[in-house]
């Protein structure tokens, strides 16, 4: 037997919490979203709290700012196609390739830092959340708090993004890495193997 499909009211009621989770995962405020989309803070707040019914006019700009398909905002059922259709996102001179689709929780990305004639100077930023990364290729420079680290392929790091942090190439060559980002309290909890030192603890000691 198949479970009864959700009613339209159930689907619409789930949109608000999904929007709130997306906004908090990205570490942005209602004021930030309002400034970017042109939708008032009060409307956004009522939408997240379920006091305002979602409409296409409201969801389209939110879909763009959160970089998620409109179907994911409303929890539309999958069509049966198991493929993830990757859509690269260019930000800060780097390319982010989303590897996960579900709103909320932990998000996975492949990050490509392009080669440059000379390495960039760090410009640390901070926001809420926890970030885990694994270097696939190249030499990554990671600045987090007072630490200035260099990671080679195969090395991983995990750190609290409320600390000012910055990622870049250590030598001006291209770098590729995997990134997991989640809200505060969501961690990858990397553990070293028996013959491998705990390189991740250089960024933040494990509890």
Protein backbone atom coordinates (compact mmCIF):
# COMPACT_ATOMS: atom_id res chain seq x y z
CA UNK A 1 0.00 0.00 0.00
CA UNK A 2 1.15 3.52 -0.73
CA UNK A 3 0.76 6.20 1.94
CA UNK A 4 -1.87 8.83 1.29
CA UNK A 5 -0.40 11.76 -0.60
CA UNK A 6 -0.05 15.00 1.31
CA UNK A 7 -2.86 17.48 0.93
CA UNK A 8 -2.24 20.88 -0.63
CA UNK A 9 -2.54 22.45 2.85
CA UNK A 10 0.13 20.11 4.25
CA UNK A 11 2.49 20.98 1.39
CA UNK A 12 1.96 24.74 1.83
CA UNK A 13 2.32 24.52 5.62
CA UNK A 14 5.77 22.96 5.19
CA UNK A 15 7.08 25.80 3.02
CA UNK A 16 7.62 28.27 5.89
CA UNK A 17 9.88 26.02 8.03
CA UNK A 18 11.77 25.03 4.87
CA UNK A 19 12.43 28.69 4.01
CA UNK A 20 13.56 29.44 7.56
CA UNK A 21 15.99 26.49 7.51
CA UNK A 22 17.45 27.61 4.18
CA UNK A 23 17.97 31.18 5.40
CA UNK A 24 19.60 30.11 8.67
CA UNK A 25 21.83 27.58 6.91
CA UNK A 26 23.16 30.40 4.76
CA UNK A 27 23.73 32.65 7.76
CA UNK A 28 21.64 35.56 6.47
CA UNK A 29 18.97 37.69 8.13
CA UNK A 30 15.47 38.60 7.06
CA UNK A 31 16.79 42.10 6.38
CA UNK A 32 19.41 40.63 3.99
CA UNK A 33 16.74 38.66 2.12
CA UNK A 34 14.41 41.68 1.98
CA UNK A 35 17.15 43.90 0.59
CA UNK A 36 17.99 41.39 -2.16
CA UNK A 37 14.48 40.29 -3.17
CA UNK A 38 12.46 43.44 -2.57
CA UNK A 39 10.02 41.47 -0.38
CA UNK A 40 9.38 43.23 2.94
CA UNK A 41 10.75 41.79 6.19
CA UNK A 42 7.25 41.52 7.65
CA UNK A 43 6.04 39.50 4.65
CA UNK A 44 9.08 37.22 4.84
CA UNK A 45 8.56 36.73 8.58
CA UNK A 46 4.87 35.86 8.13
CA UNK A 47 5.79 33.51 5.28
CA UNK A 48 8.31 31.65 7.47
CA UNK A 49 5.86 31.50 10.38
CA UNK A 50 3.06 30.11 8.24
CA UNK A 51 0.94 33.26 8.63
CA UNK A 52 1.26 34.11 4.91
CA UNK A 53 0.43 31.62 2.17
CA UNK A 54 3.28 31.15 -0.32
CA UNK A 55 2.67 32.32 -3.87
CA UNK A 56 4.72 31.95 -7.03
CA UNK A 57 5.44 35.69 -6.93
CA UNK A 58 7.05 35.29 -3.48
CA UNK A 59 8.80 31.96 -4.05
CA UNK A 60 10.56 32.78 -7.33
CA UNK A 61 12.94 35.44 -5.89
CA UNK A 62 13.54 33.25 -2.83
CA UNK A 63 14.42 30.32 -5.07
CA UNK A 64 17.05 32.51 -6.75
CA UNK A 65 18.61 33.89 -3.57
CA UNK A 66 18.82 30.45 -1.94
CA UNK A 67 20.04 28.77 -5.14
CA UNK A 68 17.55 25.91 -4.91
CA UNK A 69 14.98 24.69 -7.45
CA UNK A 70 11.43 25.93 -6.93
CA UNK A 71 10.32 22.31 -6.55
CA UNK A 72 12.55 21.97 -3.47
CA UNK A 73 10.98 25.00 -1.81
CA UNK A 74 7.53 23.45 -1.98
CA UNK A 75 8.64 19.86 -1.42
CA UNK A 76 7.44 18.64 -4.79
CA UNK A 77 7.86 14.87 -5.28
CA UNK A 78 10.75 13.61 -7.36
CA UNK A 79 10.03 12.55 -10.92
CA UNK A 80 11.95 9.29 -10.51
CA UNK A 81 15.11 10.59 -12.20
CA UNK A 82 17.94 9.73 -9.75
CA UNK A 83 20.41 12.11 -11.38
CA UNK A 84 21.44 15.33 -9.64
CA UNK A 85 21.54 18.13 -12.19
CA UNK A 86 24.50 20.21 -11.12
CA UNK A 87 24.31 23.97 -11.58
CA UNK A 88 27.62 25.74 -10.88
CA UNK A 89 27.44 28.97 -8.89
CA UNK A 90 30.12 31.65 -9.26
CA UNK A 91 30.88 33.68 -6.13
CA UNK A 92 33.89 35.58 -4.82
CA UNK A 93 35.83 34.61 -7.96
CA UNK A 94 35.35 30.89 -7.18
CA UNK A 95 33.01 28.21 -8.55
CA UNK A 96 30.70 26.28 -6.21
CA UNK A 97 29.07 23.10 -7.57
CA UNK A 98 26.15 21.98 -5.34
CA UNK A 99 26.26 18.23 -4.69
CA UNK A 100 23.14 18.02 -2.55
CA UNK A 101 19.60 19.25 -3.14
CA UNK A 102 17.57 18.97 0.05
CA UNK A 103 16.85 22.20 1.92
CA UNK A 104 18.05 22.40 5.52
CA UNK A 105 20.63 20.21 7.22
CA UNK A 106 24.12 19.76 5.81
CA UNK A 107 24.92 20.99 2.29
CA UNK A 108 27.69 19.53 0.12
CA UNK A 109 29.64 21.45 -2.51
CA UNK A 110 32.62 20.98 -4.76
CA UNK A 111 34.64 24.21 -4.70
CA UNK A 112 37.02 25.19 -7.48
CA UNK A 113 39.47 28.02 -6.78
CA UNK A 114 40.96 29.15 -10.12
CA UNK A 115 44.66 29.69 -10.77
CA UNK A 116 45.96 33.25 -10.49
CA UNK A 117 49.30 34.87 -11.39
CA UNK A 118 49.81 35.68 -7.70
CA UNK A 119 47.89 34.36 -4.65
CA UNK A 120 45.24 36.65 -3.21
CA UNK A 121 45.61 38.31 0.16
CA UNK A 122 43.17 36.91 2.76
CA UNK A 123 39.94 38.82 3.39
CA UNK A 124 38.38 36.83 6.27
CA UNK A 125 34.61 36.78 6.76
CA UNK A 126 32.47 35.12 9.41
CA UNK A 127 28.91 33.75 9.68
CA UNK A 128 27.03 31.18 11.72
CA UNK A 129 27.64 27.50 11.06
CA UNK A 130 30.25 24.78 10.89
CA UNK A 131 32.31 23.93 7.81
CA UNK A 132 34.18 20.74 6.92
CA UNK A 133 36.47 20.55 3.91
CA UNK A 134 38.60 17.97 2.12
CA UNK A 135 41.29 18.96 -0.40
CA UNK A 136 41.10 17.05 -3.70
CA UNK A 137 43.87 18.82 -5.61
CA UNK A 138 46.23 21.76 -5.28
CA UNK A 139 47.46 23.45 -2.11
CA UNK A 140 44.83 25.22 -0.03
CA UNK A 141 45.54 28.14 2.28
CA UNK A 142 43.07 28.22 5.16
CA UNK A 143 42.95 31.20 7.50
CA UNK A 144 40.67 30.68 10.52
CA UNK A 145 40.89 32.88 13.57
CA UNK A 146 44.56 33.30 14.43
CA UNK A 147 45.64 30.21 12.46
CA UNK A 148 47.14 30.38 8.97
CA UNK A 149 47.35 26.84 7.55
CA UNK A 150 48.32 25.09 4.33
CA UNK A 151 46.51 21.86 3.39
CA UNK A 152 47.61 19.40 0.70
CA UNK A 153 45.49 16.84 -1.21
CA UNK A 154 44.00 14.26 1.15
CA UNK A 155 43.94 16.59 4.15
CA UNK A 156 40.73 17.70 5.87
CA UNK A 157 39.75 20.46 8.27
CA UNK A 158 36.68 21.34 10.32
CA UNK A 159 36.03 24.72 11.92
CA UNK A 160 33.44 27.04 13.39
CA UNK A 161 32.52 29.65 10.77
CA UNK A 162 31.68 32.23 13.45
CA UNK A 163 35.47 32.71 13.49
CA UNK A 164 36.75 35.00 10.71
CA UNK A 165 37.94 32.62 7.98
CA UNK A 166 39.18 32.62 4.38
CA UNK A 167 40.01 30.02 1.73
CA UNK A 168 42.41 30.51 -1.16
CA UNK A 169 45.24 29.05 -3.17
CA UNK A 170 48.51 28.74 -1.27
CA UNK A 171 50.66 29.10 -4.39
CA UNK A 172 48.47 30.71 -7.06
CA UNK A 173 47.62 27.38 -8.70
CA UNK A 174 44.08 25.97 -8.97
CA UNK A 175 42.61 24.18 -5.96
CA UNK A 176 39.71 21.73 -5.83
CA UNK A 177 38.03 20.68 -2.61
CA UNK A 178 34.85 19.22 -1.17
CA UNK A 179 32.94 21.27 1.40
CA UNK A 180 30.20 20.31 3.85
CA UNK A 181 28.42 23.20 5.49
CA UNK A 182 25.83 22.98 8.24
CA UNK A 183 24.25 24.96 11.03
CA UNK A 184 25.82 25.23 14.48
CA UNK A 185 26.00 21.81 16.12
CA UNK A 186 26.14 19.83 12.86
CA UNK A 187 29.66 18.46 12.42
CA UNK A 188 31.34 15.90 10.18
CA UNK A 189 33.34 14.48 13.12
CA UNK A 190 36.33 13.32 11.08
CA UNK A 191 38.47 10.77 12.87
CA UNK A 192 42.03 9.84 11.84
CA UNK A 193 42.94 6.29 10.90
CA UNK A 194 45.39 4.28 13.04
CA UNK A 195 48.42 5.28 10.93
CA UNK A 196 47.35 8.82 10.08
CA UNK A 197 47.85 11.88 12.29
CA UNK A 198 44.80 14.00 13.02
CA UNK A 199 45.39 16.78 10.49
CA UNK A 200 41.85 18.10 10.87
CA UNK A 201 42.54 19.15 14.46
CA UNK A 202 44.85 21.87 13.16
CA UNK A 203 41.82 23.95 12.22
CA UNK A 204 39.77 23.24 15.34
CA UNK A 205 40.37 20.63 18.05
CA UNK A 206 37.73 17.92 18.17
CA UNK A 207 35.63 17.77 21.33
